[in-house]
C-alpha atoms as a PDB file:
ATOM      1  CA  VAL A   1      11.522  43.841 -38.262  1.00  0.00           C
ATOM      2  CA  ILE A   2      12.867  40.591 -38.234  1.00  0.00           C
ATOM      3  CA  GLY A   3      15.700  41.723 -40.363  1.00  0.00           C
ATOM      4  CA  ALA A   4      16.463  44.473 -37.781  1.00  0.00           C
ATOM      5  CA  ILE A   5      16.351  42.154 -34.809  1.00  0.00           C
ATOM      6  CA  ARG A   6      18.706  39.690 -36.930  1.00  0.00           C
ATOM      7  CA  SER A   7      21.004  42.288 -37.434  1.00  0.00           C
ATOM      8  CA  ALA A   8      21.295  43.571 -33.876  1.00  0.00           C
ATOM      9  CA  ASN A   9      24.320  42.306 -31.765  1.00  0.00           C
ATOM     10  CA  SER A  10      22.416  42.124 -28.711  1.00  0.00           C
ATOM     11  CA  THR A  11      18.777  42.312 -27.127  1.00  0.00           C
ATOM     12  CA  ALA A  12      19.450  46.034 -26.151  1.00  0.00           C
ATOM     13  CA  GLU A  13      20.596  46.879 -29.587  1.00  0.00           C
ATOM     14  CA  ALA A  14      17.722  45.371 -31.129  1.00  0.00           C
ATOM     15  CA  GLN A  15      15.410  47.235 -28.571  1.00  0.00           C
ATOM     16  CA  ALA A  16      17.093  50.568 -29.679  1.00  0.00           C
ATOM     17  CA  LEU A  17      16.382  49.793 -33.351  1.00  0.00           C
ATOM     18  CA  LEU A  18      12.851  49.088 -32.924  1.00  0.00           C
ATOM     19  CA  THR A  19      12.262  52.292 -30.826  1.00  0.00           C
ATOM     20  CA  SER A  20      14.197  54.446 -33.423  1.00  0.00           C
ATOM     21  CA  SER A  21      12.331  56.844 -35.829  1.00  0.00           C
ATOM     22  CA  ALA A  22      12.714  53.943 -38.483  1.00  0.00           C
ATOM     23  CA  PHE A  23      10.000  51.817 -36.833  1.00  0.00           C
ATOM     24  CA  GLY A  24       8.395  54.507 -34.696  1.00  0.00           C
ATOM     25  CA  LEU A  25       7.431  51.698 -31.982  1.00  0.00           C
ATOM     26  CA  SER A  26       6.947  52.528 -28.344  1.00  0.00           C
ATOM     27  CA  GLN A  27       9.000  51.083 -25.503  1.00  0.00           C
ATOM     28  CA  LEU A  28       6.160  48.942 -24.536  1.00  0.00           C
ATOM     29  CA  GLN A  29       5.545  47.594 -28.049  1.00  0.00           C
ATOM     30  CA  ALA A  30       9.521  47.078 -28.581  1.00  0.00           C
ATOM     31  CA  ASP A  31       9.552  45.065 -25.435  1.00  0.00           C
ATOM     32  CA  ALA A  32       6.435  43.067 -26.482  1.00  0.00           C
ATOM     33  CA  ILE A  33       8.187  42.161 -29.712  1.00  0.00           C
ATOM     34  CA  LEU A  34      11.379  41.226 -28.007  1.00  0.00           C
ATOM     35  CA  SER A  35       9.808  39.254 -25.458  1.00  0.00           C
ATOM     36  CA  MET A  36       8.634  36.744 -28.271  1.00  0.00           C
ATOM     37  CA  GLN A  37      11.036  34.337 -29.257  1.00  0.00           C
ATOM     38  CA  LEU A  38      12.098  36.907 -32.063  1.00  0.00           C
ATOM     39  CA  ARG A  39      14.826  38.164 -29.624  1.00  0.00           C
ATOM     40  CA  ARG A  40      16.600  34.847 -30.085  1.00  0.00           C
ATOM     41  CA  LEU A  41      17.118  36.179 -33.623  1.00  0.00           C
ATOM     42  CA  THR A  42      19.703  38.598 -32.565  1.00  0.00           C
ATOM     43  CA  LYS A  43      23.467  37.646 -33.550  1.00  0.00           C
ATOM     44  CA  LEU A  44      24.208  37.118 -29.839  1.00  0.00           C
ATOM     45  CA  GLU A  45      21.240  34.602 -29.208  1.00  0.00           C
ATOM     46  CA  ARG A  46      21.814  32.942 -32.679  1.00  0.00           C
ATOM     47  CA  ALA A  47      25.713  32.524 -31.685  1.00  0.00           C
ATOM     48  CA  SER A  48      24.436  30.701 -28.392  1.00  0.00           C
ATOM     49  CA  LEU A  49      21.967  28.779 -30.214  1.00  0.00           C
ATOM     50  CA  ILE A  50      24.969  27.495 -32.869  1.00  0.00           C
ATOM     51  CA  LYS A  51      27.128  26.750 -30.048  1.00  0.00           C
ATOM     52  CA  GLU A  52      24.571  24.887 -27.907  1.00  0.00           C
ATOM     53  CA  GLU A  53      23.689  23.057 -31.134  1.00  0.00           C
ATOM     54  CA  ALA A  54      27.484  21.941 -31.554  1.00  0.00           C
ATOM     55  CA  GLU A  55      27.656  20.815 -28.055  1.00  0.00           C
ATOM     56  CA  LEU A  56      24.506  18.656 -28.292  1.00  0.00           C
ATOM     57  CA  SER A  57      25.913  17.263 -31.609  1.00  0.00           C
ATOM     58  CA  THR A  58      28.970  16.284 -29.891  1.00  0.00           C
ATOM     59  CA  MET A  59      27.214  14.672 -27.134  1.00  0.00           C
ATOM     60  CA  VAL A  60      24.868  12.734 -29.451  1.00  0.00           C
ATOM     61  CA  ALA A  61      28.013  11.444 -31.282  1.00  0.00           C
ATOM     62  CA  HIS A  62      29.712  10.360 -28.256  1.00  0.00           C
ATOM     63  CA  LEU A  63      26.593   8.624 -26.884  1.00  0.00           C
ATOM     64  CA  SER A  64      26.086   6.924 -30.155  1.00  0.00           C
ATOM     65  CA  SER A  65      29.733   5.475 -30.066  1.00  0.00           C
ATOM     66  CA  LEU A  66      29.157   4.333 -26.579  1.00  0.00           C
ATOM     67  CA  LEU A  67      25.964   2.357 -27.594  1.00  0.00           C
ATOM     68  CA  ALA A  68      27.687   1.177 -30.639  1.00  0.00           C
ATOM     69  CA  ASP A  69      30.408  -0.680 -28.459  1.00  0.00           C
ATOM     70  CA  LYS A  70      29.402  -3.345 -25.784  1.00  0.00           C
ATOM     71  CA  LEU A  71      32.844  -3.053 -24.112  1.00  0.00           C
ATOM     72  CA  LYS A  72      32.331   0.781 -23.710  1.00  0.00           C
ATOM     73  CA  VAL A  73      29.086   0.485 -22.029  1.00  0.00           C
ATOM     74  CA  ASP A  74      30.210  -2.515 -19.606  1.00  0.00           C
ATOM     75  CA  THR A  75      33.282  -0.305 -18.773  1.00  0.00           C
ATOM     76  CA  LEU A  76      31.123   2.756 -18.084  1.00  0.00           C
ATOM     77  CA  ILE A  77      28.837   0.647 -15.958  1.00  0.00           C
ATOM     78  CA  SER A  78      31.856  -0.519 -14.040  1.00  0.00           C
ATOM     79  CA  GLU A  79      33.062   2.596 -13.379  1.00  0.00           C
ATOM     80  CA  GLU A  80      30.127   4.082 -12.287  1.00  0.00           C
ATOM     81  CA  LEU A  81      29.374   1.006  -9.911  1.00  0.00           C
ATOM     82  CA  ALA A  82      32.911   1.469  -8.473  1.00  0.00           C
ATOM     83  CA  GLU A  83      32.199   5.313  -7.928  1.00  0.00           C
ATOM     84  CA  LEU A  84      29.190   4.247  -6.119  1.00  0.00           C
ATOM     85  CA  ARG A  85      30.660   1.960  -3.764  1.00  0.00           C
ATOM     86  CA  GLN A  86      33.430   4.439  -2.892  1.00  0.00           C
ATOM     87  CA  ASN A  87      30.819   6.872  -2.118  1.00  0.00           C
ATOM     88  CA  TYR A  88      28.045   4.953  -0.494  1.00  0.00           C
ATOM     89  CA  ALA A  89      29.344   1.503   0.885  1.00  0.00           C
ATOM     90  CA  THR A  90      29.261   0.903   4.236  1.00  0.00           C
ATOM     91  CA  PRO A  91      30.453  -2.328   6.310  1.00  0.00           C
ATOM     92  CA  ARG A  92      27.737  -4.814   6.846  1.00  0.00           C
ATOM     93  CA  LEU A  93      25.980  -4.328  10.280  1.00  0.00           C
ATOM     94  CA  THR A  94      24.609  -7.965  10.470  1.00  0.00           C
ATOM     95  CA  GLU A  95      26.209 -11.205  10.436  1.00  0.00           C
ATOM     96  CA  ILE A  96      25.159 -14.190   8.047  1.00  0.00           C
ATOM     97  CA  GLU A  97      25.264 -17.226  10.085  1.00  0.00           C
ATOM     98  CA  HIS A  98      25.313 -20.812   8.717  1.00  0.00           C
ATOM     99  CA  GLU A  99      24.165 -22.491  11.656  1.00  0.00           C
ATOM    100  CA  TYR A 100      20.797 -21.603  12.945  1.00  0.00           C
ATOM    101  CA  GLU A 101      17.961 -22.646  15.054  1.00  0.00           C
ATOM    102  CA  GLU A 102      14.342 -23.626  14.048  1.00  0.00           C
ATOM    103  CA  LEU A 103      11.946 -21.062  15.076  1.00  0.00           C
ATOM    104  CA  SER A 104       8.628 -22.267  16.057  1.00  0.00           C
ATOM    105  CA  ASP A 105       5.407 -20.228  16.230  1.00  0.00           C
ATOM    106  CA  MET A 106       5.417 -19.937  19.945  1.00  0.00           C
ATOM    107  CA  ASP A 107       8.947 -18.292  19.326  1.00  0.00           C
ATOM    108  CA  LEU A 108       7.191 -15.641  17.126  1.00  0.00           C
ATOM    109  CA  THR A 109       4.501 -14.763  19.230  1.00  0.00           C
ATOM    110  CA  ALA A 110       4.691 -12.121  21.692  1.00  0.00           C
ATOM    111  CA  GLN A 111       4.657 -13.157  25.317  1.00  0.00           C
ATOM    112  CA  GLU A 112       2.084 -10.930  27.288  1.00  0.00           C
ATOM    113  CA  GLN A 113      -0.860 -11.729  29.478  1.00  0.00           C
ATOM    114  CA  VAL A 114      -4.260 -11.949  27.706  1.00  0.00           C
ATOM    115  CA  ILE A 115      -7.872 -12.576  28.460  1.00  0.00           C
ATOM    116  CA  ILE A 116     -10.334 -14.665  26.299  1.00  0.00           C
ATOM    117  CA  VAL A 117     -13.938 -13.692  26.451  1.00  0.00           C
ATOM    118  CA  GLN A 118     -16.792 -15.576  25.237  1.00  0.00           C
ATOM    119  CA  SER A 119     -20.514 -14.535  24.851  1.00  0.00           C
ATOM    120  CA  ALA A 120     -23.445 -16.393  25.144  1.00  0.00           C
ATOM    121  CA  LYS A 121     -23.982 -16.446  21.256  1.00  0.00           C
ATOM    122  CA  GLY A 122     -20.471 -17.896  20.714  1.00  0.00           C
ATOM    123  CA  PHE A 123     -18.685 -14.634  20.219  1.00  0.00           C
ATOM    124  CA  VAL A 124     -14.994 -15.320  21.406  1.00  0.00           C
ATOM    125  CA  LYS A 125     -12.626 -12.310  21.642  1.00  0.00           C
ATOM    126  CA  ARG A 126      -8.601 -12.475  22.876  1.00  0.00           C
ATOM    127  CA  MET A 127      -7.505  -9.263  24.410  1.00  0.00           C
ATOM    128  CA  PRO A 128      -4.367  -7.914  26.384  1.00  0.00           C
ATOM    129  CA  LEU A 129      -5.046  -8.070  30.053  1.00  0.00           C
ATOM    130  CA  ASP A 130      -4.314  -4.466  30.374  1.00  0.00           C
ATOM    131  CA  GLU A 131      -7.055  -3.461  27.923  1.00  0.00           C
ATOM    132  CA  PHE A 132      -9.651  -5.558  29.826  1.00  0.00           C
ATOM    133  CA  GLU A 133      -9.553  -3.118  33.082  1.00  0.00           C
ATOM    134  CA  GLU A 134     -11.527  -3.636  36.136  1.00  0.00           C
ATOM    135  CA  GLN A 135     -14.426  -1.210  36.507  1.00  0.00           C
ATOM    136  CA  GLY A 136     -16.128  -0.035  39.596  1.00  0.00           C
ATOM    137  CA  ARG A 137     -19.119  -1.955  40.994  1.00  0.00           C
ATOM    138  CA  GLY A 138     -17.844  -5.628  40.452  1.00  0.00           C
ATOM    139  CA  THR A 139     -18.375  -5.692  36.481  1.00  0.00           C
ATOM    140  CA  ARG A 140     -16.468  -7.695  34.196  1.00  0.00           C
ATOM    141  CA  GLY A 141     -14.730  -4.957  31.876  1.00  0.00           C
ATOM    142  CA  LYS A 142     -15.373  -2.833  29.156  1.00  0.00           C
ATOM    143  CA  ALA A 143     -12.780  -2.865  26.380  1.00  0.00           C
ATOM    144  CA  GLY A 144     -13.998  -4.585  23.104  1.00  0.00           C
ATOM    145  CA  MET A 145     -17.176  -5.442  24.428  1.00  0.00           C
ATOM    146  CA  ALA A 146     -19.134  -2.692  22.853  1.00  0.00           C
ATOM    147  CA  ASN A 147     -19.696  -4.764  19.792  1.00  0.00           C
ATOM    148  CA  LEU A 148     -21.893  -7.294  21.310  1.00  0.00           C
ATOM    149  CA  GLY A 149     -25.336  -7.868  19.424  1.00  0.00           C
ATOM    150  CA  ASP A 150     -28.785  -7.420  21.208  1.00  0.00           C
ATOM    151  CA  GLY A 151     -29.432 -10.205  23.361  1.00  0.00           C
ATOM    152  CA  ASP A 152     -25.776 -11.055  24.091  1.00  0.00           C
ATOM    153  CA  ALA A 153     -23.903 -11.315  27.111  1.00  0.00           C
ATOM    154  CA  VAL A 154     -20.470 -12.454  28.225  1.00  0.00           C
ATOM    155  CA  ILE A 155     -20.399 -15.746  30.059  1.00  0.00           C
END
């Protein structure tokens, strides 16, 4: 069977040989045999494997010579960086100034109206004013006060 597959010029020819009276295999059996990697033994597939091996050998030789010469590596890196710069470089959108003002903590703090609430047991909370909205019936607010412990109250 392997000899017949090797002598075939293509997969179709190998299938015809296997289904002939010489082997007496059914179409399904021939397909099963050829679906194994044996179909790569045909002359056409062997030629493509030999061609692929030659291409890979050439590539390995090229890469080995490249790695053996530091100047070639540096040149290749420079060329690739130049190509990246050409394809993806954009002008700088920000300016770097040598003169700058010293920033304080107050400059980095958001300017918003807040309310600070203290409970009888010493719990202190800072909340934005809009979060501490006025409720009906004259209460002091609701947001963030749900986590007060038992027996604790806002003062």
